[in-house]
Amino acid sequence: MGQAKLKLLILEEAQEDTKDLCRYILRSFSAETWKQTSAELAVTFGNIRQFPQSGYVPAELSDFGCLNFREALSGRNRAIYGVCDDAIYIHFVTDTRRDLRTLLQKRLLRSRW
């Protein structure tokens, strides 16, 4: 009998990331580009759910000793996630060209106030 698939939960902050990404792509490119990006993200999330340990630890997080997080690439985007118990939590969805350390800093500051 096969291993049960873990639940995949996209945290509120990652949902906001995805909305920001959508607005950016619609404004800068086209609805067709967003449709393609959205489809790529759906495939990536499916792959994460099926093979959660296949992602790699992002360099920006390994520097801080955060080895519980993994990253999966999706086109020009990256999904940062963690596995805990019976669920996979998507924490970030961001463009590969954005600086993850800056995003982490902004998110940390926003959550503290």
PDB file of N, CA and C in Angstrom:
ATOM      1  N   MET A   1       0.843  -1.177   0.000  1.00  0.00           N
ATOM      2  CA  MET A   1       0.000   0.000   0.000  1.00  0.00           C
ATOM      3  C   MET A   1       0.889   1.240   0.000  1.00  0.00           C
ATOM      4  N   GLY A   2       0.545   2.272  -0.816  1.00  0.00           N
ATOM      5  CA  GLY A   2       1.354   3.465  -0.949  1.00  0.00           C
ATOM      6  C   GLY A   2       1.215   4.406   0.227  1.00  0.00           C
ATOM      7  N   GLN A   3       2.172   5.305   0.334  1.00  0.00           N
ATOM      8  CA  GLN A   3       2.162   6.295   1.396  1.00  0.00           C
ATOM      9  C   GLN A   3       1.072   7.330   1.124  1.00  0.00           C
ATOM     10  N   ALA A   4       0.330   7.712   2.166  1.00  0.00           N
ATOM     11  CA  ALA A   4      -0.728   8.711   2.015  1.00  0.00           C
ATOM     12  C   ALA A   4      -0.095  10.064   1.685  1.00  0.00           C
ATOM     13  N   LYS A   5      -0.735  10.791   0.796  1.00  0.00           N
ATOM     14  CA  LYS A   5      -0.245  12.115   0.443  1.00  0.00           C
ATOM     15  C   LYS A   5      -0.521  13.077   1.586  1.00  0.00           C
ATOM     16  N   LEU A   6       0.398  13.982   1.793  1.00  0.00           N
ATOM     17  CA  LEU A   6       0.243  14.993   2.819  1.00  0.00           C
ATOM     18  C   LEU A   6      -0.712  16.076   2.336  1.00  0.00           C
ATOM     19  N   LYS A   7      -1.352  16.744   3.276  1.00  0.00           N
ATOM     20  CA  LYS A   7      -2.188  17.901   2.929  1.00  0.00           C
ATOM     21  C   LYS A   7      -1.261  19.034   2.518  1.00  0.00           C
ATOM     22  N   LEU A   8      -1.687  19.819   1.547  1.00  0.00           N
ATOM     23  CA  LEU A   8      -0.922  20.983   1.118  1.00  0.00           C
ATOM     24  C   LEU A   8      -1.713  22.221   1.508  1.00  0.00           C
ATOM     25  N   LEU A   9      -1.119  23.039   2.351  1.00  0.00           N
ATOM     26  CA  LEU A   9      -1.780  24.253   2.835  1.00  0.00           C
ATOM     27  C   LEU A   9      -0.973  25.473   2.399  1.00  0.00           C
ATOM     28  N   ILE A  10      -1.645  26.382   1.718  1.00  0.00           N
ATOM     29  CA  ILE A  10      -0.993  27.618   1.289  1.00  0.00           C
ATOM     30  C   ILE A  10      -1.342  28.678   2.330  1.00  0.00           C
ATOM     31  N   LEU A  11      -0.335  29.078   3.096  1.00  0.00           N
ATOM     32  CA  LEU A  11      -0.558  30.030   4.173  1.00  0.00           C
ATOM     33  C   LEU A  11      -1.011  31.379   3.629  1.00  0.00           C
ATOM     34  N   GLU A  12      -1.682  32.144   4.478  1.00  0.00           N
ATOM     35  CA  GLU A  12      -2.257  33.427   4.060  1.00  0.00           C
ATOM     36  C   GLU A  12      -1.224  34.344   3.413  1.00  0.00           C
ATOM     37  N   GLU A  13      -0.031  34.400   3.992  1.00  0.00           N
ATOM     38  CA  GLU A  13       1.020  35.253   3.419  1.00  0.00           C
ATOM     39  C   GLU A  13       1.392  34.796   2.007  1.00  0.00           C
ATOM     40  N   ALA A  14       1.454  33.495   1.790  1.00  0.00           N
ATOM     41  CA  ALA A  14       1.776  32.964   0.463  1.00  0.00           C
ATOM     42  C   ALA A  14       0.630  33.217  -0.510  1.00  0.00           C
ATOM     43  N   GLN A  15      -0.606  33.201  -0.014  1.00  0.00           N
ATOM     44  CA  GLN A  15      -1.743  33.548  -0.865  1.00  0.00           C
ATOM     45  C   GLN A  15      -1.643  35.007  -1.305  1.00  0.00           C
ATOM     46  N   GLU A  16      -1.232  35.877  -0.371  1.00  0.00           N
ATOM     47  CA  GLU A  16      -1.021  37.285  -0.724  1.00  0.00           C
ATOM     48  C   GLU A  16       0.117  37.432  -1.723  1.00  0.00           C
ATOM     49  N   ASP A  17       1.184  36.644  -1.532  1.00  0.00           N
ATOM     50  CA  ASP A  17       2.296  36.650  -2.495  1.00  0.00           C
ATOM     51  C   ASP A  17       1.787  36.324  -3.893  1.00  0.00           C
ATOM     52  N   THR A  18       0.920  35.317  -3.967  1.00  0.00           N
ATOM     53  CA  THR A  18       0.391  34.875  -5.262  1.00  0.00           C
ATOM     54  C   THR A  18      -0.478  35.959  -5.889  1.00  0.00           C
ATOM     55  N   LYS A  19      -1.274  36.639  -5.087  1.00  0.00           N
ATOM     56  CA  LYS A  19      -2.094  37.747  -5.603  1.00  0.00           C
ATOM     57  C   LYS A  19      -1.206  38.878  -6.110  1.00  0.00           C
ATOM     58  N   ASP A  20      -0.143  39.190  -5.355  1.00  0.00           N
ATOM     59  CA  ASP A  20       0.800  40.226  -5.793  1.00  0.00           C
ATOM     60  C   ASP A  20       1.460  39.830  -7.112  1.00  0.00           C
ATOM     61  N   LEU A  21       1.844  38.561  -7.209  1.00  0.00           N
ATOM     62  CA  LEU A  21       2.459  38.060  -8.434  1.00  0.00           C
ATOM     63  C   LEU A  21       1.489  38.174  -9.609  1.00  0.00           C
ATOM     64  N   CYS A  22       0.238  37.826  -9.375  1.00  0.00           N
ATOM     65  CA  CYS A  22      -0.789  37.935 -10.415  1.00  0.00           C
ATOM     66  C   CYS A  22      -0.931  39.379 -10.891  1.00  0.00           C
ATOM     67  N   ARG A  23      -1.060  40.305  -9.943  1.00  0.00           N
ATOM     68  CA  ARG A  23      -1.197  41.726 -10.316  1.00  0.00           C
ATOM     69  C   ARG A  23       0.005  42.208 -11.121  1.00  0.00           C
ATOM     70  N   TYR A  24       1.199  41.820 -10.680  1.00  0.00           N
ATOM     71  CA  TYR A  24       2.415  42.217 -11.375  1.00  0.00           C
ATOM     72  C   TYR A  24       2.438  41.677 -12.807  1.00  0.00           C
ATOM     73  N   ILE A  25       2.125  40.406 -12.971  1.00  0.00           N
ATOM     74  CA  ILE A  25       2.162  39.793 -14.304  1.00  0.00           C
ATOM     75  C   ILE A  25       1.086  40.392 -15.203  1.00  0.00           C
ATOM     76  N   LEU A  26      -0.109  40.597 -14.685  1.00  0.00           N
ATOM     77  CA  LEU A  26      -1.177  41.198 -15.497  1.00  0.00           C
ATOM     78  C   LEU A  26      -0.806  42.614 -15.925  1.00  0.00           C
ATOM     79  N   ARG A  27      -0.201  43.370 -15.015  1.00  0.00           N
ATOM     80  CA  ARG A  27       0.182  44.754 -15.299  1.00  0.00           C
ATOM     81  C   ARG A  27       1.367  44.817 -16.272  1.00  0.00           C
ATOM     82  N   SER A  28       2.334  43.928 -16.087  1.00  0.00           N
ATOM     83  CA  SER A  28       3.574  44.011 -16.853  1.00  0.00           C
ATOM     84  C   SER A  28       3.595  43.158 -18.117  1.00  0.00           C
ATOM     85  N   PHE A  29       2.767  42.107 -18.152  1.00  0.00           N
ATOM     86  CA  PHE A  29       2.806  41.193 -19.283  1.00  0.00           C
ATOM     87  C   PHE A  29       1.406  41.018 -19.860  1.00  0.00           C
ATOM     88  N   SER A  30       0.740  39.923 -19.531  1.00  0.00           N
ATOM     89  CA  SER A  30      -0.587  39.702 -20.102  1.00  0.00           C
ATOM     90  C   SER A  30      -1.357  38.662 -19.294  1.00  0.00           C
ATOM     91  N   ALA A  31      -2.643  38.575 -19.570  1.00  0.00           N
ATOM     92  CA  ALA A  31      -3.484  37.558 -18.928  1.00  0.00           C
ATOM     93  C   ALA A  31      -3.009  36.162 -19.337  1.00  0.00           C
ATOM     94  N   GLU A  32      -2.550  36.020 -20.570  1.00  0.00           N
ATOM     95  CA  GLU A  32      -2.054  34.718 -21.038  1.00  0.00           C
ATOM     96  C   GLU A  32      -0.811  34.295 -20.244  1.00  0.00           C
ATOM     97  N   THR A  33       0.067  35.254 -19.959  1.00  0.00           N
ATOM     98  CA  THR A  33       1.260  34.956 -19.163  1.00  0.00           C
ATOM     99  C   THR A  33       0.860  34.524 -17.755  1.00  0.00           C
ATOM    100  N   TRP A  34      -0.147  35.208 -17.164  1.00  0.00           N
ATOM    101  CA  TRP A  34      -0.613  34.814 -15.840  1.00  0.00           C
ATOM    102  C   TRP A  34      -1.229  33.413 -15.883  1.00  0.00           C
ATOM    103  N   LYS A  35      -1.976  33.119 -16.931  1.00  0.00           N
ATOM    104  CA  LYS A  35      -2.592  31.798 -17.060  1.00  0.00           C
ATOM    105  C   LYS A  35      -1.508  30.716 -17.073  1.00  0.00           C
ATOM    106  N   GLN A  36      -0.444  30.949 -17.813  1.00  0.00           N
ATOM    107  CA  GLN A  36       0.664  29.999 -17.889  1.00  0.00           C
ATOM    108  C   GLN A  36       1.368  29.881 -16.535  1.00  0.00           C
ATOM    109  N   THR A  37       1.628  31.016 -15.892  1.00  0.00           N
ATOM    110  CA  THR A  37       2.294  31.018 -14.587  1.00  0.00           C
ATOM    111  C   THR A  37       1.454  30.288 -13.550  1.00  0.00           C
ATOM    112  N   SER A  38       0.166  30.548 -13.553  1.00  0.00           N
ATOM    113  CA  SER A  38      -0.750  29.907 -12.615  1.00  0.00           C
ATOM    114  C   SER A  38      -0.762  28.388 -12.817  1.00  0.00           C
ATOM    115  N   ALA A  39      -0.774  27.966 -14.070  1.00  0.00           N
ATOM    116  CA  ALA A  39      -0.744  26.525 -14.380  1.00  0.00           C
ATOM    117  C   ALA A  39       0.576  25.904 -13.909  1.00  0.00           C
ATOM    118  N   GLU A  40       1.693  26.611 -14.111  1.00  0.00           N
ATOM    119  CA  GLU A  40       2.994  26.118 -13.663  1.00  0.00           C
ATOM    120  C   GLU A  40       3.020  25.970 -12.139  1.00  0.00           C
ATOM    121  N   LEU A  41       2.451  26.955 -11.437  1.00  0.00           N
ATOM    122  CA  LEU A  41       2.403  26.877  -9.975  1.00  0.00           C
ATOM    123  C   LEU A  41       1.568  25.683  -9.523  1.00  0.00           C
ATOM    124  N   ALA A  42       0.449  25.434 -10.186  1.00  0.00           N
ATOM    125  CA  ALA A  42      -0.403  24.294  -9.829  1.00  0.00           C
ATOM    126  C   ALA A  42       0.363  22.981  -9.985  1.00  0.00           C
ATOM    127  N   VAL A  43       1.127  22.856 -11.065  1.00  0.00           N
ATOM    128  CA  VAL A  43       1.939  21.651 -11.275  1.00  0.00           C
ATOM    129  C   VAL A  43       3.009  21.546 -10.185  1.00  0.00           C
ATOM    130  N   THR A  44       3.649  22.662  -9.878  1.00  0.00           N
ATOM    131  CA  THR A  44       4.688  22.668  -8.843  1.00  0.00           C
ATOM    132  C   THR A  44       4.110  22.254  -7.498  1.00  0.00           C
ATOM    133  N   PHE A  45       2.939  22.797  -7.141  1.00  0.00           N
ATOM    134  CA  PHE A  45       2.310  22.430  -5.867  1.00  0.00           C
ATOM    135  C   PHE A  45       1.968  20.939  -5.851  1.00  0.00           C
ATOM    136  N   GLY A  46       1.520  20.407  -6.971  1.00  0.00           N
ATOM    137  CA  GLY A  46       1.247  18.977  -7.065  1.00  0.00           C
ATOM    138  C   GLY A  46       2.507  18.149  -6.869  1.00  0.00           C
ATOM    139  N   ASN A  47       3.611  18.601  -7.469  1.00  0.00           N
ATOM    140  CA  ASN A  47       4.890  17.901  -7.312  1.00  0.00           C
ATOM    141  C   ASN A  47       5.385  17.959  -5.866  1.00  0.00           C
ATOM    142  N   ILE A  48       5.218  19.122  -5.237  1.00  0.00           N
ATOM    143  CA  ILE A  48       5.611  19.267  -3.833  1.00  0.00           C
ATOM    144  C   ILE A  48       4.805  18.292  -2.984  1.00  0.00           C
ATOM    145  N   ARG A  49       3.515  18.212  -3.252  1.00  0.00           N
ATOM    146  CA  ARG A  49       2.645  17.328  -2.473  1.00  0.00           C
ATOM    147  C   ARG A  49       3.047  15.866  -2.666  1.00  0.00           C
ATOM    148  N   GLN A  50       3.391  15.511  -3.884  1.00  0.00           N
ATOM    149  CA  GLN A  50       3.741  14.125  -4.172  1.00  0.00           C
ATOM    150  C   GLN A  50       5.142  13.757  -3.666  1.00  0.00           C
ATOM    151  N   PHE A  51       6.076  14.699  -3.782  1.00  0.00           N
ATOM    152  CA  PHE A  51       7.475  14.445  -3.410  1.00  0.00           C
ATOM    153  C   PHE A  51       8.004  15.589  -2.535  1.00  0.00           C
ATOM    154  N   PRO A  52       7.504  15.726  -1.315  1.00  0.00           N
ATOM    155  CA  PRO A  52       7.863  16.891  -0.485  1.00  0.00           C
ATOM    156  C   PRO A  52       9.354  17.000  -0.160  1.00  0.00           C
ATOM    157  N   GLN A  53      10.062  15.898  -0.117  1.00  0.00           N
ATOM    158  CA  GLN A  53      11.480  15.962   0.226  1.00  0.00           C
ATOM    159  C   GLN A  53      12.367  16.234  -0.984  1.00  0.00           C
ATOM    160  N   SER A  54      11.778  16.375  -2.163  1.00  0.00           N
ATOM    161  CA  SER A  54      12.589  16.582  -3.364  1.00  0.00           C
ATOM    162  C   SER A  54      13.087  18.012  -3.502  1.00  0.00           C
ATOM    163  N   GLY A  55      12.455  18.943  -2.808  1.00  0.00           N
ATOM    164  CA  GLY A  55      12.931  20.330  -2.864  1.00  0.00           C
ATOM    165  C   GLY A  55      14.265  20.453  -2.154  1.00  0.00           C
ATOM    166  N   TYR A  56      14.936  21.556  -2.379  1.00  0.00           N
ATOM    167  CA  TYR A  56      16.228  21.763  -1.728  1.00  0.00           C
ATOM    168  C   TYR A  56      16.122  22.924  -0.745  1.00  0.00           C
ATOM    169  N   VAL A  57      17.015  22.958   0.219  1.00  0.00           N
ATOM    170  CA  VAL A  57      17.020  24.013   1.229  1.00  0.00           C
ATOM    171  C   VAL A  57      17.535  25.294   0.574  1.00  0.00           C
ATOM    172  N   PRO A  58      16.756  26.376   0.611  1.00  0.00           N
ATOM    173  CA  PRO A  58      17.226  27.632   0.008  1.00  0.00           C
ATOM    174  C   PRO A  58      18.490  28.135   0.714  1.00  0.00           C
ATOM    175  N   ALA A  59      19.444  28.582  -0.061  1.00  0.00           N
ATOM    176  CA  ALA A  59      20.718  29.062   0.498  1.00  0.00           C
ATOM    177  C   ALA A  59      20.488  30.164   1.526  1.00  0.00           C
ATOM    178  N   GLU A  60      19.530  31.054   1.262  1.00  0.00           N
ATOM    179  CA  GLU A  60      19.272  32.173   2.166  1.00  0.00           C
ATOM    180  C   GLU A  60      18.827  31.684   3.539  1.00  0.00           C
ATOM    181  N   LEU A  61      18.165  30.532   3.576  1.00  0.00           N
ATOM    182  CA  LEU A  61      17.683  30.002   4.851  1.00  0.00           C
ATOM    183  C   LEU A  61      18.693  29.064   5.505  1.00  0.00           C
ATOM    184  N   SER A  62      19.467  28.347   4.701  1.00  0.00           N
ATOM    185  CA  SER A  62      20.473  27.448   5.289  1.00  0.00           C
ATOM    186  C   SER A  62      21.535  28.256   6.020  1.00  0.00           C
ATOM    187  N   ASP A  63      21.804  29.484   5.560  1.00  0.00           N
ATOM    188  CA  ASP A  63      22.763  30.368   6.228  1.00  0.00           C
ATOM    189  C   ASP A  63      22.348  30.633   7.675  1.00  0.00           C
ATOM    190  N   PHE A  64      21.041  30.599   7.938  1.00  0.00           N
ATOM    191  CA  PHE A  64      20.518  30.852   9.282  1.00  0.00           C
ATOM    192  C   PHE A  64      20.234  29.554  10.034  1.00  0.00           C
ATOM    193  N   GLY A  65      20.575  28.438   9.448  1.00  0.00           N
ATOM    194  CA  GLY A  65      20.335  27.158  10.094  1.00  0.00           C
ATOM    195  C   GLY A  65      18.900  26.665   9.969  1.00  0.00           C
ATOM    196  N   CYS A  66      18.127  27.275   9.081  1.00  0.00           N
ATOM    197  CA  CYS A  66      16.730  26.876   8.866  1.00  0.00           C
ATOM    198  C   CYS A  66      16.705  25.757   7.830  1.00  0.00           C
ATOM    199  N   LEU A  67      16.929  24.544   8.285  1.00  0.00           N
ATOM    200  CA  LEU A  67      17.023  23.429   7.359  1.00  0.00           C
ATOM    201  C   LEU A  67      15.693  22.704   7.168  1.00  0.00           C
ATOM    202  N   ASN A  68      14.644  23.162   7.834  1.00  0.00           N
ATOM    203  CA  ASN A  68      13.325  22.532   7.708  1.00  0.00           C
ATOM    204  C   ASN A  68      12.545  23.060   6.514  1.00  0.00           C
ATOM    205  N   PHE A  69      13.056  24.096   5.881  1.00  0.00           N
ATOM    206  CA  PHE A  69      12.382  24.677   4.730  1.00  0.00           C
ATOM    207  C   PHE A  69      12.974  24.128   3.448  1.00  0.00           C
ATOM    208  N   ARG A  70      12.137  24.033   2.444  1.00  0.00           N
ATOM    209  CA  ARG A  70      12.568  23.574   1.127  1.00  0.00           C
ATOM    210  C   ARG A  70      12.052  24.560   0.086  1.00  0.00           C
ATOM    211  N   GLU A  71      12.611  24.435  -1.094  1.00  0.00           N
ATOM    212  CA  GLU A  71      12.245  25.321  -2.198  1.00  0.00           C
ATOM    213  C   GLU A  71      12.013  24.485  -3.447  1.00  0.00           C
ATOM    214  N   ALA A  72      11.008  24.883  -4.208  1.00  0.00           N
ATOM    215  CA  ALA A  72      10.756  24.284  -5.516  1.00  0.00           C
ATOM    216  C   ALA A  72      10.621  25.423  -6.523  1.00  0.00           C
ATOM    217  N   LEU A  73      11.245  25.266  -7.663  1.00  0.00           N
ATOM    218  CA  LEU A  73      11.144  26.278  -8.715  1.00  0.00           C
ATOM    219  C   LEU A  73       9.938  25.986  -9.589  1.00  0.00           C
ATOM    220  N   SER A  74       9.321  27.073 -10.034  1.00  0.00           N
ATOM    221  CA  SER A  74       8.148  26.996 -10.905  1.00  0.00           C
ATOM    222  C   SER A  74       8.286  28.096 -11.947  1.00  0.00           C
ATOM    223  N   GLY A  75       8.845  27.759 -13.087  1.00  0.00           N
ATOM    224  CA  GLY A  75       9.104  28.795 -14.089  1.00  0.00           C
ATOM    225  C   GLY A  75      10.093  29.796 -13.524  1.00  0.00           C
ATOM    226  N   ARG A  76       9.684  31.075 -13.491  1.00  0.00           N
ATOM    227  CA  ARG A  76      10.531  32.134 -12.928  1.00  0.00           C
ATOM    228  C   ARG A  76      10.189  32.410 -11.465  1.00  0.00           C
ATOM    229  N   ASN A  77       9.513  31.481 -10.830  1.00  0.00           N
ATOM    230  CA  ASN A  77       9.073  31.671  -9.459  1.00  0.00           C
ATOM    231  C   ASN A  77       9.596  30.571  -8.566  1.00  0.00           C
ATOM    232  N   ARG A  78       9.564  30.847  -7.281  1.00  0.00           N
ATOM    233  CA  ARG A  78       9.990  29.867  -6.303  1.00  0.00           C
ATOM    234  C   ARG A  78       8.933  29.757  -5.220  1.00  0.00           C
ATOM    235  N   ALA A  79       8.708  28.552  -4.783  1.00  0.00           N
ATOM    236  CA  ALA A  79       7.791  28.278  -3.680  1.00  0.00           C
ATOM    237  C   ALA A  79       8.634  27.767  -2.519  1.00  0.00           C
ATOM    238  N   ILE A  80       8.524  28.434  -1.385  1.00  0.00           N
ATOM    239  CA  ILE A  80       9.249  28.045  -0.182  1.00  0.00           C
ATOM    240  C   ILE A  80       8.240  27.363   0.739  1.00  0.00           C
ATOM    241  N   TYR A  81       8.574  26.161   1.198  1.00  0.00           N
ATOM    242  CA  TYR A  81       7.612  25.401   1.993  1.00  0.00           C
ATOM    243  C   TYR A  81       8.316  24.626   3.097  1.00  0.00           C
ATOM    244  N   GLY A  82       7.506  24.182   4.037  1.00  0.00           N
ATOM    245  CA  GLY A  82       7.994  23.341   5.118  1.00  0.00           C
ATOM    246  C   GLY A  82       7.045  22.180   5.326  1.00  0.00           C
ATOM    247  N   VAL A  83       7.567  21.066   5.803  1.00  0.00           N
ATOM    248  CA  VAL A  83       6.760  19.884   6.081  1.00  0.00           C
ATOM    249  C   VAL A  83       6.708  19.721   7.593  1.00  0.00           C
ATOM    250  N   CYS A  84       5.500  19.585   8.108  1.00  0.00           N
ATOM    251  CA  CYS A  84       5.325  19.408   9.543  1.00  0.00           C
ATOM    252  C   CYS A  84       4.191  18.415   9.768  1.00  0.00           C
ATOM    253  N   ASP A  85       4.510  17.325  10.432  1.00  0.00           N
ATOM    254  CA  ASP A  85       3.535  16.270  10.715  1.00  0.00           C
ATOM    255  C   ASP A  85       2.904  15.768   9.426  1.00  0.00           C
ATOM    256  N   ASP A  86       1.594  15.975   9.278  1.00  0.00           N
ATOM    257  CA  ASP A  86       0.879  15.426   8.120  1.00  0.00           C
ATOM    258  C   ASP A  86       0.536  16.488   7.079  1.00  0.00           C
ATOM    259  N   ALA A  87       1.267  17.610   7.096  1.00  0.00           N
ATOM    260  CA  ALA A  87       0.936  18.696   6.159  1.00  0.00           C
ATOM    261  C   ALA A  87       2.189  19.375   5.615  1.00  0.00           C
ATOM    262  N   ILE A  88       2.008  19.954   4.450  1.00  0.00           N
ATOM    263  CA  ILE A  88       3.031  20.772   3.796  1.00  0.00           C
ATOM    264  C   ILE A  88       2.490  22.192   3.807  1.00  0.00           C
ATOM    265  N   TYR A  89       3.311  23.125   4.282  1.00  0.00           N
ATOM    266  CA  TYR A  89       2.900  24.518   4.385  1.00  0.00           C
ATOM    267  C   TYR A  89       3.700  25.354   3.396  1.00  0.00           C
ATOM    268  N   ILE A  90       2.995  25.986   2.465  1.00  0.00           N
ATOM    269  CA  ILE A  90       3.643  26.907   1.527  1.00  0.00           C
ATOM    270  C   ILE A  90       3.742  28.254   2.240  1.00  0.00           C
ATOM    271  N   HIS A  91       4.977  28.744   2.421  1.00  0.00           N
ATOM    272  CA  HIS A  91       5.208  29.997   3.149  1.00  0.00           C
ATOM    273  C   HIS A  91       5.390  31.189   2.221  1.00  0.00           C
ATOM    274  N   PHE A  92       6.052  30.974   1.090  1.00  0.00           N
ATOM    275  CA  PHE A  92       6.356  32.057   0.152  1.00  0.00           C
ATOM    276  C   PHE A  92       6.113  31.600  -1.270  1.00  0.00           C
ATOM    277  N   VAL A  93       5.645  32.504  -2.097  1.00  0.00           N
ATOM    278  CA  VAL A  93       5.629  32.332  -3.542  1.00  0.00           C
ATOM    279  C   VAL A  93       6.188  33.647  -4.080  1.00  0.00           C
ATOM    280  N   THR A  94       7.325  33.578  -4.740  1.00  0.00           N
ATOM    281  CA  THR A  94       7.963  34.813  -5.179  1.00  0.00           C
ATOM    282  C   THR A  94       8.758  34.607  -6.468  1.00  0.00           C
ATOM    283  N   ASP A  95       8.975  35.679  -7.153  1.00  0.00           N
ATOM    284  CA  ASP A  95       9.783  35.693  -8.372  1.00  0.00           C
ATOM    285  C   ASP A  95      11.224  35.350  -8.007  1.00  0.00           C
ATOM    286  N   THR A  96      11.878  34.589  -8.840  1.00  0.00           N
ATOM    287  CA  THR A  96      13.264  34.179  -8.564  1.00  0.00           C
ATOM    288  C   THR A  96      14.220  35.367  -8.543  1.00  0.00           C
ATOM    289  N   ARG A  97      13.828  36.473  -9.167  1.00  0.00           N
ATOM    290  CA  ARG A  97      14.718  37.633  -9.229  1.00  0.00           C
ATOM    291  C   ARG A  97      14.609  38.523  -7.986  1.00  0.00           C
ATOM    292  N   ARG A  98      13.631  38.247  -7.125  1.00  0.00           N
ATOM    293  CA  ARG A  98      13.493  39.034  -5.906  1.00  0.00           C
ATOM    294  C   ARG A  98      14.412  38.490  -4.828  1.00  0.00           C
ATOM    295  N   ASP A  99      14.889  39.374  -3.975  1.00  0.00           N
ATOM    296  CA  ASP A  99      15.804  39.001  -2.910  1.00  0.00           C
ATOM    297  C   ASP A  99      15.022  38.418  -1.735  1.00  0.00           C
ATOM    298  N   LEU A 100      15.216  37.136  -1.474  1.00  0.00           N
ATOM    299  CA  LEU A 100      14.472  36.453  -0.423  1.00  0.00           C
ATOM    300  C   LEU A 100      14.784  37.026   0.952  1.00  0.00           C
ATOM    301  N   ARG A 101      16.021  37.414   1.194  1.00  0.00           N
ATOM    302  CA  ARG A 101      16.370  37.979   2.509  1.00  0.00           C
ATOM    303  C   ARG A 101      15.565  39.250   2.785  1.00  0.00           C
ATOM    304  N   THR A 102      15.423  40.101   1.788  1.00  0.00           N
ATOM    305  CA  THR A 102      14.637  41.326   1.958  1.00  0.00           C
ATOM    306  C   THR A 102      13.179  40.995   2.215  1.00  0.00           C
ATOM    307  N   LEU A 103      12.632  40.022   1.482  1.00  0.00           N
ATOM    308  CA  LEU A 103      11.243  39.614   1.692  1.00  0.00           C
ATOM    309  C   LEU A 103      11.043  39.041   3.099  1.00  0.00           C
ATOM    310  N   LEU A 104      11.992  38.229   3.556  1.00  0.00           N
ATOM    311  CA  LEU A 104      11.906  37.673   4.901  1.00  0.00           C
ATOM    312  C   LEU A 104      11.921  38.778   5.956  1.00  0.00           C
ATOM    313  N   GLN A 105      12.783  39.739   5.751  1.00  0.00           N
ATOM    314  CA  GLN A 105      12.897  40.850   6.685  1.00  0.00           C
ATOM    315  C   GLN A 105      11.592  41.646   6.744  1.00  0.00           C
ATOM    316  N   LYS A 106      11.020  41.958   5.591  1.00  0.00           N
ATOM    317  CA  LYS A 106       9.760  42.701   5.547  1.00  0.00           C
ATOM    318  C   LYS A 106       8.638  41.916   6.224  1.00  0.00           C
ATOM    319  N   ARG A 107       8.592  40.619   5.947  1.00  0.00           N
ATOM    320  CA  ARG A 107       7.538  39.787   6.530  1.00  0.00           C
ATOM    321  C   ARG A 107       7.696  39.699   8.041  1.00  0.00           C
ATOM    322  N   LEU A 108       8.922  39.567   8.509  1.00  0.00           N
ATOM    323  CA  LEU A 108       9.168  39.487   9.942  1.00  0.00           C
ATOM    324  C   LEU A 108       8.756  40.788  10.627  1.00  0.00           C
ATOM    325  N   LEU A 109       9.135  41.893  10.041  1.00  0.00           N
ATOM    326  CA  LEU A 109       8.770  43.182  10.628  1.00  0.00           C
ATOM    327  C   LEU A 109       7.274  43.406  10.623  1.00  0.00           C
ATOM    328  N   ARG A 110       6.615  43.002   9.556  1.00  0.00           N
ATOM    329  CA  ARG A 110       5.160  43.160   9.443  1.00  0.00           C
ATOM    330  C   ARG A 110       4.440  42.287  10.475  1.00  0.00           C
ATOM    331  N   SER A 111       4.967  41.105  10.736  1.00  0.00           N
ATOM    332  CA  SER A 111       4.290  40.189  11.671  1.00  0.00           C
ATOM    333  C   SER A 111       4.483  40.608  13.117  1.00  0.00           C
ATOM    334  N   ARG A 112       5.495  41.385  13.398  1.00  0.00           N
ATOM    335  CA  ARG A 112       5.791  41.782  14.778  1.00  0.00           C
ATOM    336  C   ARG A 112       4.917  42.948  15.216  1.00  0.00           C
ATOM    337  N   TRP A 113       4.325  43.654  14.315  1.00  0.00           N
ATOM    338  CA  TRP A 113       3.530  44.837  14.689  1.00  0.00           C
ATOM    339  C   TRP A 113       2.136  44.587  14.390  1.00  0.00           C
TER     340      TRP A 113
END
